[in-house]
Amino acid sequence: MSEIKLKRLALKNFKGIKNLAVDFEQVTNIYGENKLGKTTVFDGFTWLLFDKDCKDRISKIIDEPLFKLISNPLYFSLNIKWQDGRKVILDIIGDISKEKVINQNPDLNPLLMSILF
C-alpha cells in the first residue's frame, strides 16, 4: 500500500487566508476560537487530496467536472476522453454542420456540392 506523508501545507489566497504555512513534520494541533480559519486549513488539506472542500460544496455550486474544466488548463487535454471533450465543446458552441464549416472558408465551396448530392 502506498503511503502519503504531508510534511507542509502552504495556503496562499485560499478562502479567507492570505498566506499560511502549516508544518506537519511534528504532531500538529490546530485549534482556536470560531472564525479563525481552522476549517479553512482542513479545506485546503481536502482540496489538495480530493479537489473539493471538506463539505463537498463544489458540487452544490457548480458541476464538478465543469469546475475542473474551467479551473485546470490541463484537465481537458489530459483527463477526459476525446468523445467527452467533443461533447463538452458541442454543448458550449452548439452542433456544427458540414455546411457551417464550408461556409466559413470559401475555398471549401466545391465540397458543398458533394455534401448536398
Protein backbone atom coordinates (compact mmCIF):
# COMPACT_ATOMS: atom_id res chain seq x y z
CA MET A 1 0.00 0.00 0.00
CA SER A 2 1.25 3.48 -0.85
CA GLU A 3 1.90 5.97 1.87
CA ILE A 4 1.35 9.71 1.68
CA LYS A 5 3.19 11.95 4.11
CA LEU A 6 2.11 15.54 4.16
CA LYS A 7 5.02 17.48 5.61
CA ARG A 8 3.85 21.01 4.94
CA LEU A 9 0.71 22.72 3.69
CA ALA A 10 1.04 26.20 2.21
CA LEU A 11 -2.10 28.23 1.56
CA LYS A 12 -1.99 31.44 -0.47
CA ASN A 13 -5.14 33.45 -1.13
CA PHE A 14 -7.24 30.43 -0.25
CA LYS A 15 -10.68 31.37 1.01
CA GLY A 16 -10.04 33.83 3.88
CA ILE A 17 -6.33 33.03 4.30
CA LYS A 18 -3.85 35.32 2.56
CA ASN A 19 -0.67 33.40 3.36
CA LEU A 20 -0.20 30.50 5.78
CA ALA A 21 2.22 27.60 6.02
CA VAL A 22 1.48 24.70 8.37
CA ASP A 23 4.40 22.40 9.25
CA PHE A 24 3.28 18.79 9.77
CA GLU A 25 6.76 17.36 10.46
CA GLN A 26 5.86 17.10 14.16
CA VAL A 27 2.49 16.41 15.76
CA THR A 28 0.37 19.38 14.76
CA ASN A 29 -2.61 20.68 16.67
CA ILE A 30 -4.91 23.20 15.04
CA TYR A 31 -7.20 24.92 17.50
CA GLY A 32 -8.64 28.31 18.28
CA GLU A 33 -11.77 30.43 18.52
CA ASN A 34 -14.51 30.33 15.92
CA LYS A 35 -13.87 32.09 12.60
CA LEU A 36 -10.06 31.92 12.82
CA GLY A 37 -9.55 29.54 9.88
CA LYS A 38 -9.41 26.01 11.32
CA THR A 39 -11.95 24.71 8.80
CA THR A 40 -10.20 26.62 6.01
CA VAL A 41 -6.96 24.77 6.81
CA PHE A 42 -8.87 21.50 6.67
CA ASP A 43 -10.50 22.61 3.40
CA GLY A 44 -7.02 23.26 2.00
CA PHE A 45 -5.98 19.76 3.01
CA THR A 46 -9.05 18.11 1.44
CA TRP A 47 -8.76 20.33 -1.65
CA LEU A 48 -5.17 19.17 -2.08
CA LEU A 49 -6.09 15.50 -1.84
CA PHE A 50 -9.62 15.35 -3.27
CA ASP A 51 -10.21 18.56 -5.29
CA LYS A 52 -13.04 19.69 -3.03
CA ASP A 53 -13.59 21.20 0.38
CA CYS A 54 -14.49 19.20 3.47
CA LYS A 55 -18.24 19.66 2.97
CA ASP A 56 -18.17 18.63 -0.71
CA ARG A 57 -19.64 22.03 -1.61
CA ILE A 58 -18.18 22.23 -5.10
CA SER A 59 -20.95 20.00 -6.47
CA LYS A 60 -23.55 22.27 -4.84
CA ILE A 61 -22.10 25.38 -6.52
CA ILE A 62 -21.07 24.01 -9.92
CA ASP A 63 -20.93 20.67 -11.68
CA GLU A 64 -17.64 19.13 -10.54
CA PRO A 65 -16.33 18.07 -13.99
CA LEU A 66 -17.20 21.53 -15.34
CA PHE A 67 -15.34 23.12 -12.43
CA LYS A 68 -12.28 21.03 -13.25
CA LEU A 69 -12.54 22.07 -16.91
CA ILE A 70 -12.57 25.78 -16.10
CA SER A 71 -10.04 25.70 -13.26
CA ASN A 72 -7.39 23.31 -14.59
CA PRO A 73 -5.90 24.09 -18.00
CA LEU A 74 -4.62 20.52 -18.39
CA TYR A 75 -7.85 18.75 -17.43
CA PHE A 76 -9.41 18.92 -20.89
CA SER A 77 -6.43 17.56 -22.78
CA LEU A 78 -5.18 15.03 -20.24
CA ASN A 79 -8.13 13.79 -18.20
CA ILE A 80 -11.10 13.25 -20.46
CA LYS A 81 -11.72 11.03 -23.48
CA TRP A 82 -11.84 12.82 -26.83
CA GLN A 83 -15.52 11.82 -27.20
CA ASP A 84 -16.37 13.53 -23.91
CA GLY A 85 -14.28 16.55 -24.91
CA ARG A 86 -16.18 16.80 -28.17
CA LYS A 87 -19.48 16.69 -26.28
CA VAL A 88 -18.32 19.48 -23.96
CA ILE A 89 -17.34 21.66 -26.90
CA LEU A 90 -20.60 20.99 -28.73
CA ASP A 91 -22.58 21.74 -25.56
CA ILE A 92 -20.85 25.12 -25.39
CA ILE A 93 -20.95 26.16 -29.05
CA GLY A 94 -23.82 24.09 -30.42
CA ASP A 95 -23.71 21.49 -33.13
CA ILE A 96 -21.58 22.26 -36.16
CA SER A 97 -22.88 21.13 -39.53
CA LYS A 98 -20.70 20.43 -42.54
CA GLU A 99 -22.40 23.35 -44.27
CA LYS A 100 -21.36 25.75 -41.48
CA VAL A 101 -17.74 24.63 -41.76
CA ILE A 102 -17.72 25.03 -45.53
CA ASN A 103 -19.41 28.44 -45.33
CA GLN A 104 -16.58 29.72 -43.12
CA ASN A 105 -13.97 29.10 -45.80
CA PRO A 106 -14.79 29.96 -49.45
CA ASP A 107 -12.02 27.60 -50.62
CA LEU A 108 -14.19 24.71 -49.41
CA ASN A 109 -17.20 25.64 -51.57
CA PRO A 110 -16.52 22.82 -54.09
CA LEU A 111 -17.17 20.36 -51.24
CA LEU A 112 -20.65 21.75 -50.71
CA MET A 113 -21.93 20.11 -53.91
CA SER A 114 -20.61 16.70 -52.82
CA ILE A 115 -22.39 17.01 -49.46
CA LEU A 116 -25.70 18.05 -50.94
CA PHE A 117 -25.82 15.30 -53.57
